[in-house]
């Protein structure tokens, strides 16, 4: 990575960072829209980033926090104002409270990221637009430029690591905090087809069945926000039936869907499942962020082999789409 310039313009109220990277622009784009990769370089090395939500679409929102060396945390958010895949995106970039809500006591700025070809590979331009010179001074005093430089110095190791994030990568589990996990999977298919495979019962029945030997016997899908849904499975010989039910809380086709989930016959608080889809070089990046009501329940569910079952299903989903 070569930083060409960092320019502060007090008349235009902007700070612009321009840097070259030894990869195609599309590879740089993928690193920003994949939360696993973004977490490896967003923020200085001593402050690790965790994206609890990363919804890259116009009107979408990302929420993250950075954890310092002594465990202290600083939160932030992006509200996506415009997304022109894979060339640019524009966000309102602000600070956030611990619950992810905006912290209006600190400045929120408009920032535009652009990705272009350069003689070295990709040219990244990041322009931040401020409301006043006082805001510029405030964020400079908070170490904005030093943090930006240190963050970018970590990017080469991420964007040149193509194999880790290739289309052949299997379902990947990350524990985001005591009650929240993220499962990520690349699906080698267009985003519209992946969304369709989640919302047409005849397709859902073909792939959402986990390990071999099980069949989905009930597939009742919601049509609009507020509707319930119900899934049930049993073994090939008709035994060990179990299932889940819940409610559709949010839907933004073909990018995002949020539901609750409770196991049939089990009382207690539900989990919240947030599905996000984003188009990347190898197809569609699928992320599911699951928030459990307790650490104990999280651990019990993970110990059932949940992620392995999800990988079996996603592999089947991919095969169905590719061969259809």
C-alpha atoms as a PDB file:
ATOM      1  CA  UNK A   1       0.000   0.000   0.000  1.00  0.00           C
ATOM      2  CA  UNK A   2       1.220   3.467  -0.904  1.00  0.00           C
ATOM      3  CA  UNK A   3      -0.497   6.537   0.504  1.00  0.00           C
ATOM      4  CA  UNK A   4      -0.295   9.180  -2.201  1.00  0.00           C
ATOM      5  CA  UNK A   5      -1.678  12.025  -0.123  1.00  0.00           C
ATOM      6  CA  UNK A   6      -3.679  13.109   2.910  1.00  0.00           C
ATOM      7  CA  UNK A   7      -5.133  16.558   2.306  1.00  0.00           C
ATOM      8  CA  UNK A   8      -7.038  18.791   4.721  1.00  0.00           C
ATOM      9  CA  UNK A   9      -9.003  21.584   3.003  1.00  0.00           C
ATOM     10  CA  UNK A  10     -10.395  23.987   5.601  1.00  0.00           C
ATOM     11  CA  UNK A  11     -12.230  26.021   2.952  1.00  0.00           C
ATOM     12  CA  UNK A  12     -14.019  23.049   1.354  1.00  0.00           C
ATOM     13  CA  UNK A  13     -14.313  21.426   4.831  1.00  0.00           C
ATOM     14  CA  UNK A  14     -12.903  18.106   3.606  1.00  0.00           C
ATOM     15  CA  UNK A  15     -10.176  15.621   4.423  1.00  0.00           C
ATOM     16  CA  UNK A  16      -9.154  13.392   1.496  1.00  0.00           C
ATOM     17  CA  UNK A  17      -6.982  10.289   1.661  1.00  0.00           C
ATOM     18  CA  UNK A  18      -5.681   8.714  -1.574  1.00  0.00           C
ATOM     19  CA  UNK A  19      -3.853   5.373  -1.567  1.00  0.00           C
ATOM     20  CA  UNK A  20      -2.737   2.661  -4.025  1.00  0.00           C
ATOM     21  CA  UNK A  21      -3.076  -1.087  -3.472  1.00  0.00           C
ATOM     22  CA  UNK A  22      -1.559  -3.975  -5.469  1.00  0.00           C
ATOM     23  CA  UNK A  23      -4.887  -5.633  -6.304  1.00  0.00           C
ATOM     24  CA  UNK A  24      -7.800  -5.015  -8.703  1.00  0.00           C
ATOM     25  CA  UNK A  25     -10.425  -2.489  -7.508  1.00  0.00           C
ATOM     26  CA  UNK A  26     -13.020  -5.255  -7.186  1.00  0.00           C
ATOM     27  CA  UNK A  27     -10.813  -7.044  -4.635  1.00  0.00           C
ATOM     28  CA  UNK A  28     -10.609  -3.870  -2.570  1.00  0.00           C
ATOM     29  CA  UNK A  29     -14.385  -3.504  -2.753  1.00  0.00           C
ATOM     30  CA  UNK A  30     -14.864  -7.058  -1.499  1.00  0.00           C
ATOM     31  CA  UNK A  31     -12.700  -6.323   1.544  1.00  0.00           C
ATOM     32  CA  UNK A  32     -14.949  -3.425   2.556  1.00  0.00           C
ATOM     33  CA  UNK A  33     -18.275  -5.251   2.142  1.00  0.00           C
ATOM     34  CA  UNK A  34     -17.187  -8.474   3.907  1.00  0.00           C
ATOM     35  CA  UNK A  35     -17.313  -7.844   7.684  1.00  0.00           C
ATOM     36  CA  UNK A  36     -14.710 -10.547   8.348  1.00  0.00           C
ATOM     37  CA  UNK A  37     -12.198  -8.681   6.226  1.00  0.00           C
ATOM     38  CA  UNK A  38     -13.207  -5.183   7.260  1.00  0.00           C
ATOM     39  CA  UNK A  39     -12.662  -6.091  10.905  1.00  0.00           C
ATOM     40  CA  UNK A  40      -9.022  -6.879  10.151  1.00  0.00           C
ATOM     41  CA  UNK A  41      -8.177  -3.312   9.146  1.00  0.00           C
ATOM     42  CA  UNK A  42     -10.904  -0.942  10.327  1.00  0.00           C
ATOM     43  CA  UNK A  43      -9.228   0.999  13.113  1.00  0.00           C
ATOM     44  CA  UNK A  44      -5.674   1.131  14.531  1.00  0.00           C
ATOM     45  CA  UNK A  45      -3.885  -2.158  15.314  1.00  0.00           C
ATOM     46  CA  UNK A  46      -4.387  -1.751  19.071  1.00  0.00           C
ATOM     47  CA  UNK A  47      -8.158  -1.372  18.648  1.00  0.00           C
ATOM     48  CA  UNK A  48      -9.859  -4.488  17.247  1.00  0.00           C
ATOM     49  CA  UNK A  49     -13.102  -3.893  15.345  1.00  0.00           C
ATOM     50  CA  UNK A  50     -16.306  -5.942  15.600  1.00  0.00           C
ATOM     51  CA  UNK A  51     -19.151  -5.304  13.150  1.00  0.00           C
ATOM     52  CA  UNK A  52     -22.420  -6.363  14.748  1.00  0.00           C
ATOM     53  CA  UNK A  53     -24.285  -5.330  11.595  1.00  0.00           C
ATOM     54  CA  UNK A  54     -23.035  -4.659   8.055  1.00  0.00           C
ATOM     55  CA  UNK A  55     -25.875  -3.897   5.663  1.00  0.00           C
ATOM     56  CA  UNK A  56     -24.323  -2.506   2.464  1.00  0.00           C
ATOM     57  CA  UNK A  57     -27.215  -1.053   0.451  1.00  0.00           C
ATOM     58  CA  UNK A  58     -28.856   2.364   0.109  1.00  0.00           C
ATOM     59  CA  UNK A  59     -30.716   2.870   3.359  1.00  0.00           C
ATOM     60  CA  UNK A  60     -28.710   0.130   5.086  1.00  0.00           C
ATOM     61  CA  UNK A  61     -26.789   0.560   8.315  1.00  0.00           C
ATOM     62  CA  UNK A  62     -23.600  -0.838   9.772  1.00  0.00           C
ATOM     63  CA  UNK A  63     -22.880  -0.852  13.495  1.00  0.00           C
ATOM     64  CA  UNK A  64     -19.517  -1.642  15.034  1.00  0.00           C
ATOM     65  CA  UNK A  65     -17.382  -1.154  18.082  1.00  0.00           C
ATOM     66  CA  UNK A  66     -13.635  -1.077  18.576  1.00  0.00           C
ATOM     67  CA  UNK A  67     -12.072  -2.606  21.670  1.00  0.00           C
ATOM     68  CA  UNK A  68      -8.899  -1.080  23.050  1.00  0.00           C
ATOM     69  CA  UNK A  69      -5.954  -2.767  24.766  1.00  0.00           C
ATOM     70  CA  UNK A  70      -7.504  -2.307  28.219  1.00  0.00           C
ATOM     71  CA  UNK A  71     -10.941  -3.516  27.188  1.00  0.00           C
ATOM     72  CA  UNK A  72     -12.443  -0.069  26.669  1.00  0.00           C
ATOM     73  CA  UNK A  73     -14.844   0.254  23.737  1.00  0.00           C
ATOM     74  CA  UNK A  74     -15.705   2.949  21.220  1.00  0.00           C
ATOM     75  CA  UNK A  75     -18.739   2.543  18.974  1.00  0.00           C
ATOM     76  CA  UNK A  76     -19.555   3.780  15.495  1.00  0.00           C
ATOM     77  CA  UNK A  77     -22.063   3.438  12.675  1.00  0.00           C
ATOM     78  CA  UNK A  78     -22.420   3.922   8.923  1.00  0.00           C
ATOM     79  CA  UNK A  79     -25.724   4.922   7.331  1.00  0.00           C
ATOM     80  CA  UNK A  80     -25.444   4.066   3.630  1.00  0.00           C
ATOM     81  CA  UNK A  81     -26.570   7.023   1.520  1.00  0.00           C
ATOM     82  CA  UNK A  82     -25.528   5.576  -1.836  1.00  0.00           C
ATOM     83  CA  UNK A  83     -23.985   2.319  -3.104  1.00  0.00           C
ATOM     84  CA  UNK A  84     -22.622   1.984  -6.646  1.00  0.00           C
ATOM     85  CA  UNK A  85     -21.187  -1.547  -6.673  1.00  0.00           C
ATOM     86  CA  UNK A  86     -18.227  -2.029  -7.087  1.00  0.00           C
ATOM     87  CA  UNK A  87     -17.096   1.540  -7.675  1.00  0.00           C
ATOM     88  CA  UNK A  88     -18.154   3.630  -4.693  1.00  0.00           C
ATOM     89  CA  UNK A  89     -20.276   3.978  -1.596  1.00  0.00           C
ATOM     90  CA  UNK A  90     -21.276   6.984   0.478  1.00  0.00           C
ATOM     91  CA  UNK A  91     -22.106   6.912   4.176  1.00  0.00           C
ATOM     92  CA  UNK A  92     -22.975   9.059   7.122  1.00  0.00           C
ATOM     93  CA  UNK A  93     -20.119   8.115   9.455  1.00  0.00           C
ATOM     94  CA  UNK A  94     -20.796   8.714  13.126  1.00  0.00           C
ATOM     95  CA  UNK A  95     -20.161   7.648  16.684  1.00  0.00           C
ATOM     96  CA  UNK A  96     -22.499   5.289  18.534  1.00  0.00           C
ATOM     97  CA  UNK A  97     -23.503   4.355  22.051  1.00  0.00           C
ATOM     98  CA  UNK A  98     -23.004   0.832  23.398  1.00  0.00           C
ATOM     99  CA  UNK A  99     -26.465  -0.208  22.150  1.00  0.00           C
ATOM    100  CA  UNK A 100     -25.640   0.870  18.572  1.00  0.00           C
ATOM    101  CA  UNK A 101     -27.741   4.040  18.589  1.00  0.00           C
ATOM    102  CA  UNK A 102     -26.187   7.240  17.260  1.00  0.00           C
ATOM    103  CA  UNK A 103     -24.185   9.406  19.674  1.00  0.00           C
ATOM    104  CA  UNK A 104     -25.274  12.886  18.642  1.00  0.00           C
ATOM    105  CA  UNK A 105     -22.861  14.535  21.084  1.00  0.00           C
ATOM    106  CA  UNK A 106     -20.039  13.858  18.597  1.00  0.00           C
ATOM    107  CA  UNK A 107     -19.826  14.865  14.908  1.00  0.00           C
ATOM    108  CA  UNK A 108     -21.346  12.751  12.151  1.00  0.00           C
ATOM    109  CA  UNK A 109     -19.643  13.313   8.801  1.00  0.00           C
ATOM    110  CA  UNK A 110     -20.412  12.344   5.208  1.00  0.00           C
ATOM    111  CA  UNK A 111     -17.725  10.079   3.738  1.00  0.00           C
ATOM    112  CA  UNK A 112     -17.346   8.833   0.168  1.00  0.00           C
ATOM    113  CA  UNK A 113     -15.213   5.787  -0.710  1.00  0.00           C
ATOM    114  CA  UNK A 114     -14.273   5.315  -4.386  1.00  0.00           C
ATOM    115  CA  UNK A 115     -12.438   2.391  -5.998  1.00  0.00           C
ATOM    116  CA  UNK A 116     -10.638   2.916  -9.326  1.00  0.00           C
ATOM    117  CA  UNK A 117      -7.917   1.291 -11.382  1.00  0.00           C
ATOM    118  CA  UNK A 118      -4.378   2.617 -11.011  1.00  0.00           C
ATOM    119  CA  UNK A 119      -0.967   1.729 -12.379  1.00  0.00           C
ATOM    120  CA  UNK A 120      -0.334  -0.288  -9.202  1.00  0.00           C
ATOM    121  CA  UNK A 121      -3.758  -1.976  -9.177  1.00  0.00           C
ATOM    122  CA  UNK A 122      -6.453  -0.149  -7.238  1.00  0.00           C
ATOM    123  CA  UNK A 123      -6.749   3.494  -6.255  1.00  0.00           C
ATOM    124  CA  UNK A 124      -8.758   4.143  -3.101  1.00  0.00           C
ATOM    125  CA  UNK A 125     -10.001   7.669  -2.440  1.00  0.00           C
ATOM    126  CA  UNK A 126     -11.725   8.436   0.868  1.00  0.00           C
ATOM    127  CA  UNK A 127     -13.188  11.935   1.154  1.00  0.00           C
ATOM    128  CA  UNK A 128     -14.777  13.097   4.411  1.00  0.00           C
ATOM    129  CA  UNK A 129     -17.103  16.126   4.331  1.00  0.00           C
ATOM    130  CA  UNK A 130     -17.481  18.149   7.540  1.00  0.00           C
ATOM    131  CA  UNK A 131     -20.069  20.691   8.635  1.00  0.00           C
ATOM    132  CA  UNK A 132     -17.578  23.156  10.104  1.00  0.00           C
ATOM    133  CA  UNK A 133     -13.891  23.820  10.658  1.00  0.00           C
ATOM    134  CA  UNK A 134     -14.511  23.173  14.356  1.00  0.00           C
ATOM    135  CA  UNK A 135     -15.559  19.589  13.536  1.00  0.00           C
ATOM    136  CA  UNK A 136     -12.344  19.067  11.591  1.00  0.00           C
ATOM    137  CA  UNK A 137     -10.293  20.346  14.517  1.00  0.00           C
ATOM    138  CA  UNK A 138     -12.223  18.183  16.974  1.00  0.00           C
ATOM    139  CA  UNK A 139     -11.648  14.942  15.049  1.00  0.00           C
ATOM    140  CA  UNK A 140      -8.020  15.783  14.286  1.00  0.00           C
ATOM    141  CA  UNK A 141      -7.469  16.253  18.025  1.00  0.00           C
ATOM    142  CA  UNK A 142      -9.064  12.831  18.571  1.00  0.00           C
ATOM    143  CA  UNK A 143      -6.386  11.269  16.308  1.00  0.00           C
ATOM    144  CA  UNK A 144      -8.403  10.770  13.122  1.00  0.00           C
ATOM    145  CA  UNK A 145      -5.475  11.018  10.708  1.00  0.00           C
ATOM    146  CA  UNK A 146      -3.146   8.827  12.727  1.00  0.00           C
ATOM    147  CA  UNK A 147      -5.876   6.211  13.101  1.00  0.00           C
ATOM    148  CA  UNK A 148      -6.637   6.299   9.380  1.00  0.00           C
ATOM    149  CA  UNK A 149      -2.993   5.857   8.442  1.00  0.00           C
ATOM    150  CA  UNK A 150      -2.498   2.968  10.887  1.00  0.00           C
ATOM    151  CA  UNK A 151      -5.687   1.280   9.652  1.00  0.00           C
ATOM    152  CA  UNK A 152      -4.660   1.481   5.992  1.00  0.00           C
ATOM    153  CA  UNK A 153      -1.248   0.036   6.783  1.00  0.00           C
ATOM    154  CA  UNK A 154      -3.054  -3.198   7.729  1.00  0.00           C
ATOM    155  CA  UNK A 155      -4.994  -3.470   4.476  1.00  0.00           C
ATOM    156  CA  UNK A 156      -2.342  -5.026   2.233  1.00  0.00           C
ATOM    157  CA  UNK A 157      -2.271  -8.218   4.304  1.00  0.00           C
ATOM    158  CA  UNK A 158      -6.046  -8.510   3.932  1.00  0.00           C
ATOM    159  CA  UNK A 159      -6.599  -7.650   0.264  1.00  0.00           C
ATOM    160  CA  UNK A 160      -3.701  -9.821  -0.948  1.00  0.00           C
ATOM    161  CA  UNK A 161      -5.090 -12.801   1.023  1.00  0.00           C
ATOM    162  CA  UNK A 162      -7.441 -13.999  -1.705  1.00  0.00           C
ATOM    163  CA  UNK A 163      -7.517 -17.692  -0.759  1.00  0.00           C
ATOM    164  CA  UNK A 164      -9.008 -17.194   2.715  1.00  0.00           C
ATOM    165  CA  UNK A 165     -12.077 -15.467   1.312  1.00  0.00           C
ATOM    166  CA  UNK A 166     -12.506 -17.317  -1.989  1.00  0.00           C
ATOM    167  CA  UNK A 167     -15.728 -18.850  -3.246  1.00  0.00           C
ATOM    168  CA  UNK A 168     -14.712 -22.283  -1.928  1.00  0.00           C
ATOM    169  CA  UNK A 169     -14.759 -21.108   1.702  1.00  0.00           C
ATOM    170  CA  UNK A 170     -17.171 -23.090   3.898  1.00  0.00           C
ATOM    171  CA  UNK A 171     -19.526 -21.777   6.585  1.00  0.00           C
ATOM    172  CA  UNK A 172     -17.474 -19.811   9.090  1.00  0.00           C
ATOM    173  CA  UNK A 173     -18.509 -19.125  12.704  1.00  0.00           C
ATOM    174  CA  UNK A 174     -17.434 -16.086  14.727  1.00  0.00           C
ATOM    175  CA  UNK A 175     -18.467 -15.241  18.284  1.00  0.00           C
ATOM    176  CA  UNK A 176     -19.090 -11.498  18.288  1.00  0.00           C
ATOM    177  CA  UNK A 177     -19.908 -11.164  21.987  1.00  0.00           C
ATOM    178  CA  UNK A 178     -21.331 -13.237  24.837  1.00  0.00           C
ATOM    179  CA  UNK A 179     -24.692 -13.778  23.137  1.00  0.00           C
ATOM    180  CA  UNK A 180     -24.120 -13.027  19.440  1.00  0.00           C
ATOM    181  CA  UNK A 181     -22.537 -15.104  16.677  1.00  0.00           C
ATOM    182  CA  UNK A 182     -22.054 -14.574  12.955  1.00  0.00           C
ATOM    183  CA  UNK A 183     -22.064 -17.353  10.364  1.00  0.00           C
ATOM    184  CA  UNK A 184     -20.625 -16.404   6.961  1.00  0.00           C
ATOM    185  CA  UNK A 185     -20.768 -18.380   3.722  1.00  0.00           C
ATOM    186  CA  UNK A 186     -19.926 -17.551   0.110  1.00  0.00           C
ATOM    187  CA  UNK A 187     -22.614 -18.823  -2.279  1.00  0.00           C
ATOM    188  CA  UNK A 188     -21.433 -19.069  -5.882  1.00  0.00           C
ATOM    189  CA  UNK A 189     -24.647 -17.698  -7.365  1.00  0.00           C
ATOM    190  CA  UNK A 190     -26.290 -14.326  -8.098  1.00  0.00           C
ATOM    191  CA  UNK A 191     -27.923 -12.530  -5.178  1.00  0.00           C
ATOM    192  CA  UNK A 192     -31.439 -12.717  -6.649  1.00  0.00           C
ATOM    193  CA  UNK A 193     -31.213 -16.501  -6.901  1.00  0.00           C
ATOM    194  CA  UNK A 194     -29.936 -16.835  -3.326  1.00  0.00           C
ATOM    195  CA  UNK A 195     -32.781 -14.638  -2.060  1.00  0.00           C
ATOM    196  CA  UNK A 196     -35.305 -16.638  -4.095  1.00  0.00           C
ATOM    197  CA  UNK A 197     -33.977 -19.895  -2.641  1.00  0.00           C
ATOM    198  CA  UNK A 198     -34.810 -18.552   0.835  1.00  0.00           C
ATOM    199  CA  UNK A 199     -38.358 -17.490  -0.076  1.00  0.00           C
ATOM    200  CA  UNK A 200     -39.915 -20.118  -2.336  1.00  0.00           C
ATOM    201  CA  UNK A 201     -41.170 -23.131  -0.341  1.00  0.00           C
ATOM    202  CA  UNK A 202     -40.395 -25.684  -3.060  1.00  0.00           C
ATOM    203  CA  UNK A 203     -36.748 -24.535  -3.083  1.00  0.00           C
ATOM    204  CA  UNK A 204     -36.429 -24.188   0.693  1.00  0.00           C
ATOM    205  CA  UNK A 205     -37.605 -27.788   1.140  1.00  0.00           C
ATOM    206  CA  UNK A 206     -34.779 -28.990  -1.116  1.00  0.00           C
ATOM    207  CA  UNK A 207     -31.843 -27.445   0.715  1.00  0.00           C
ATOM    208  CA  UNK A 208     -32.738 -26.403   4.269  1.00  0.00           C
ATOM    209  CA  UNK A 209     -32.510 -29.911   5.694  1.00  0.00           C
ATOM    210  CA  UNK A 210     -29.060 -30.150   7.279  1.00  0.00           C
ATOM    211  CA  UNK A 211     -27.335 -33.560   7.258  1.00  0.00           C
ATOM    212  CA  UNK A 212     -28.475 -36.413   5.016  1.00  0.00           C
ATOM    213  CA  UNK A 213     -31.304 -38.479   6.415  1.00  0.00           C
ATOM    214  CA  UNK A 214     -33.670 -35.622   7.235  1.00  0.00           C
ATOM    215  CA  UNK A 215     -36.590 -34.099   5.335  1.00  0.00           C
ATOM    216  CA  UNK A 216     -38.494 -30.848   5.786  1.00  0.00           C
ATOM    217  CA  UNK A 217     -42.158 -31.676   6.292  1.00  0.00           C
ATOM    218  CA  UNK A 218     -43.493 -28.182   7.083  1.00  0.00           C
ATOM    219  CA  UNK A 219     -42.422 -24.984   5.333  1.00  0.00           C
ATOM    220  CA  UNK A 220     -44.722 -22.055   6.029  1.00  0.00           C
ATOM    221  CA  UNK A 221     -43.056 -18.780   5.010  1.00  0.00           C
ATOM    222  CA  UNK A 222     -44.032 -15.207   5.914  1.00  0.00           C
ATOM    223  CA  UNK A 223     -45.241 -12.893   3.160  1.00  0.00           C
ATOM    224  CA  UNK A 224     -44.780  -9.542   4.903  1.00  0.00           C
ATOM    225  CA  UNK A 225     -43.396  -8.004   8.078  1.00  0.00           C
ATOM    226  CA  UNK A 226     -45.373  -9.203  11.090  1.00  0.00           C
ATOM    227  CA  UNK A 227     -46.252 -12.580   9.562  1.00  0.00           C
ATOM    228  CA  UNK A 228     -45.326 -15.819  11.359  1.00  0.00           C
ATOM    229  CA  UNK A 229     -43.349 -18.689   9.844  1.00  0.00           C
ATOM    230  CA  UNK A 230     -42.943 -22.364  10.748  1.00  0.00           C
ATOM    231  CA  UNK A 231     -40.388 -25.041   9.782  1.00  0.00           C
ATOM    232  CA  UNK A 232     -40.516 -28.711  10.802  1.00  0.00           C
ATOM    233  CA  UNK A 233     -38.199 -31.633  10.040  1.00  0.00           C
ATOM    234  CA  UNK A 234     -38.174 -35.357  10.662  1.00  0.00           C
ATOM    235  CA  UNK A 235     -36.000 -38.316   9.725  1.00  0.00           C
ATOM    236  CA  UNK A 236     -36.541 -40.260   6.514  1.00  0.00           C
ATOM    237  CA  UNK A 237     -38.425 -42.907   8.494  1.00  0.00           C
ATOM    238  CA  UNK A 238     -40.784 -40.342  10.038  1.00  0.00           C
ATOM    239  CA  UNK A 239     -39.331 -40.033  13.542  1.00  0.00           C
ATOM    240  CA  UNK A 240     -37.716 -37.353  15.769  1.00  0.00           C
ATOM    241  CA  UNK A 241     -39.806 -34.467  14.464  1.00  0.00           C
ATOM    242  CA  UNK A 242     -38.751 -30.999  15.600  1.00  0.00           C
ATOM    243  CA  UNK A 243     -39.178 -27.477  14.307  1.00  0.00           C
ATOM    244  CA  UNK A 244     -38.958 -23.730  14.720  1.00  0.00           C
ATOM    245  CA  UNK A 245     -41.381 -20.861  14.551  1.00  0.00           C
ATOM    246  CA  UNK A 246     -41.006 -17.109  14.602  1.00  0.00           C
ATOM    247  CA  UNK A 247     -41.983 -13.766  13.123  1.00  0.00           C
ATOM    248  CA  UNK A 248     -40.645 -11.667  10.260  1.00  0.00           C
ATOM    249  CA  UNK A 249     -39.416  -8.389  11.773  1.00  0.00           C
ATOM    250  CA  UNK A 250     -37.724  -6.726   8.811  1.00  0.00           C
ATOM    251  CA  UNK A 251     -37.423  -7.352   5.061  1.00  0.00           C
ATOM    252  CA  UNK A 252     -35.428  -5.495   2.380  1.00  0.00           C
ATOM    253  CA  UNK A 253     -35.240  -7.772  -0.716  1.00  0.00           C
ATOM    254  CA  UNK A 254     -32.811  -9.020  -1.886  1.00  0.00           C
ATOM    255  CA  UNK A 255     -30.392  -7.856   0.807  1.00  0.00           C
ATOM    256  CA  UNK A 256     -31.677  -8.212   4.349  1.00  0.00           C
ATOM    257  CA  UNK A 257     -34.209 -10.070   6.473  1.00  0.00           C
ATOM    258  CA  UNK A 258     -34.612 -10.217  10.259  1.00  0.00           C
ATOM    259  CA  UNK A 259     -36.686 -12.831  12.081  1.00  0.00           C
ATOM    260  CA  UNK A 260     -37.247 -14.176  15.560  1.00  0.00           C
ATOM    261  CA  UNK A 261     -36.811 -17.916  16.156  1.00  0.00           C
ATOM    262  CA  UNK A 262     -38.101 -20.255  18.856  1.00  0.00           C
ATOM    263  CA  UNK A 263     -37.978 -24.042  19.002  1.00  0.00           C
ATOM    264  CA  UNK A 264     -41.412 -25.637  18.948  1.00  0.00           C
ATOM    265  CA  UNK A 265     -42.412 -26.895  22.384  1.00  0.00           C
ATOM    266  CA  UNK A 266     -39.727 -24.909  24.212  1.00  0.00           C
ATOM    267  CA  UNK A 267     -40.763 -21.831  26.204  1.00  0.00           C
ATOM    268  CA  UNK A 268     -38.566 -18.819  26.806  1.00  0.00           C
ATOM    269  CA  UNK A 269     -37.191 -15.820  24.893  1.00  0.00           C
ATOM    270  CA  UNK A 270     -36.579 -16.155  21.173  1.00  0.00           C
ATOM    271  CA  UNK A 271     -33.357 -15.632  19.268  1.00  0.00           C
ATOM    272  CA  UNK A 272     -33.074 -12.903  16.637  1.00  0.00           C
ATOM    273  CA  UNK A 273     -31.626 -13.889  13.251  1.00  0.00           C
ATOM    274  CA  UNK A 274     -30.423 -11.203  10.824  1.00  0.00           C
ATOM    275  CA  UNK A 275     -29.683 -12.438   7.286  1.00  0.00           C
ATOM    276  CA  UNK A 276     -27.634 -10.203   4.976  1.00  0.00           C
ATOM    277  CA  UNK A 277     -26.724 -10.811   1.322  1.00  0.00           C
ATOM    278  CA  UNK A 278     -24.182  -8.786  -0.679  1.00  0.00           C
ATOM    279  CA  UNK A 279     -22.797  -9.308  -4.180  1.00  0.00           C
ATOM    280  CA  UNK A 280     -19.044  -9.916  -4.329  1.00  0.00           C
ATOM    281  CA  UNK A 281     -16.564 -11.209  -6.901  1.00  0.00           C
ATOM    282  CA  UNK A 282     -17.263 -14.920  -6.411  1.00  0.00           C
ATOM    283  CA  UNK A 283     -21.041 -14.652  -6.092  1.00  0.00           C
ATOM    284  CA  UNK A 284     -23.068 -13.708  -3.017  1.00  0.00           C
ATOM    285  CA  UNK A 285     -21.711 -13.310   0.489  1.00  0.00           C
ATOM    286  CA  UNK A 286     -24.280 -14.576   2.997  1.00  0.00           C
ATOM    287  CA  UNK A 287     -24.001 -13.581   6.652  1.00  0.00           C
ATOM    288  CA  UNK A 288     -26.375 -14.540   9.438  1.00  0.00           C
ATOM    289  CA  UNK A 289     -26.021 -12.758  12.770  1.00  0.00           C
ATOM    290  CA  UNK A 290     -27.780 -14.685  15.546  1.00  0.00           C
ATOM    291  CA  UNK A 291     -28.451 -13.073  18.923  1.00  0.00           C
ATOM    292  CA  UNK A 292     -29.347 -15.480  21.746  1.00  0.00           C
ATOM    293  CA  UNK A 293     -31.114 -14.550  24.985  1.00  0.00           C
ATOM    294  CA  UNK A 294     -28.202 -15.954  27.026  1.00  0.00           C
ATOM    295  CA  UNK A 295     -24.659 -17.256  26.728  1.00  0.00           C
ATOM    296  CA  UNK A 296     -25.809 -20.627  28.030  1.00  0.00           C
ATOM    297  CA  UNK A 297     -28.346 -21.088  25.246  1.00  0.00           C
ATOM    298  CA  UNK A 298     -25.830 -19.956  22.671  1.00  0.00           C
ATOM    299  CA  UNK A 299     -23.362 -22.602  23.791  1.00  0.00           C
ATOM    300  CA  UNK A 300     -26.002 -25.347  23.929  1.00  0.00           C
ATOM    301  CA  UNK A 301     -27.097 -24.614  20.363  1.00  0.00           C
ATOM    302  CA  UNK A 302     -23.561 -24.413  18.986  1.00  0.00           C
ATOM    303  CA  UNK A 303     -22.696 -27.728  20.652  1.00  0.00           C
ATOM    304  CA  UNK A 304     -25.442 -29.440  18.632  1.00  0.00           C
ATOM    305  CA  UNK A 305     -23.319 -29.073  15.484  1.00  0.00           C
ATOM    306  CA  UNK A 306     -25.408 -26.184  14.179  1.00  0.00           C
ATOM    307  CA  UNK A 307     -22.693 -24.744  11.930  1.00  0.00           C
ATOM    308  CA  UNK A 308     -21.893 -28.109  10.331  1.00  0.00           C
ATOM    309  CA  UNK A 309     -25.585 -28.551   9.615  1.00  0.00           C
ATOM    310  CA  UNK A 310     -25.746 -25.061   8.097  1.00  0.00           C
ATOM    311  CA  UNK A 311     -22.773 -25.900   5.869  1.00  0.00           C
ATOM    312  CA  UNK A 312     -24.511 -29.070   4.656  1.00  0.00           C
ATOM    313  CA  UNK A 313     -27.561 -26.987   3.795  1.00  0.00           C
ATOM    314  CA  UNK A 314     -25.631 -24.162   2.123  1.00  0.00           C
ATOM    315  CA  UNK A 315     -23.635 -26.642   0.051  1.00  0.00           C
ATOM    316  CA  UNK A 316     -26.901 -28.183  -1.094  1.00  0.00           C
ATOM    317  CA  UNK A 317     -28.379 -24.728  -1.813  1.00  0.00           C
ATOM    318  CA  UNK A 318     -25.387 -23.805  -3.946  1.00  0.00           C
ATOM    319  CA  UNK A 319     -25.596 -27.059  -5.894  1.00  0.00           C
ATOM    320  CA  UNK A 320     -29.327 -26.621  -6.526  1.00  0.00           C
ATOM    321  CA  UNK A 321     -28.862 -23.099  -7.901  1.00  0.00           C
ATOM    322  CA  UNK A 322     -25.827 -23.932 -10.014  1.00  0.00           C
ATOM    323  CA  UNK A 323     -27.479 -26.989 -11.552  1.00  0.00           C
ATOM    324  CA  UNK A 324     -30.923 -25.450 -12.066  1.00  0.00           C
END
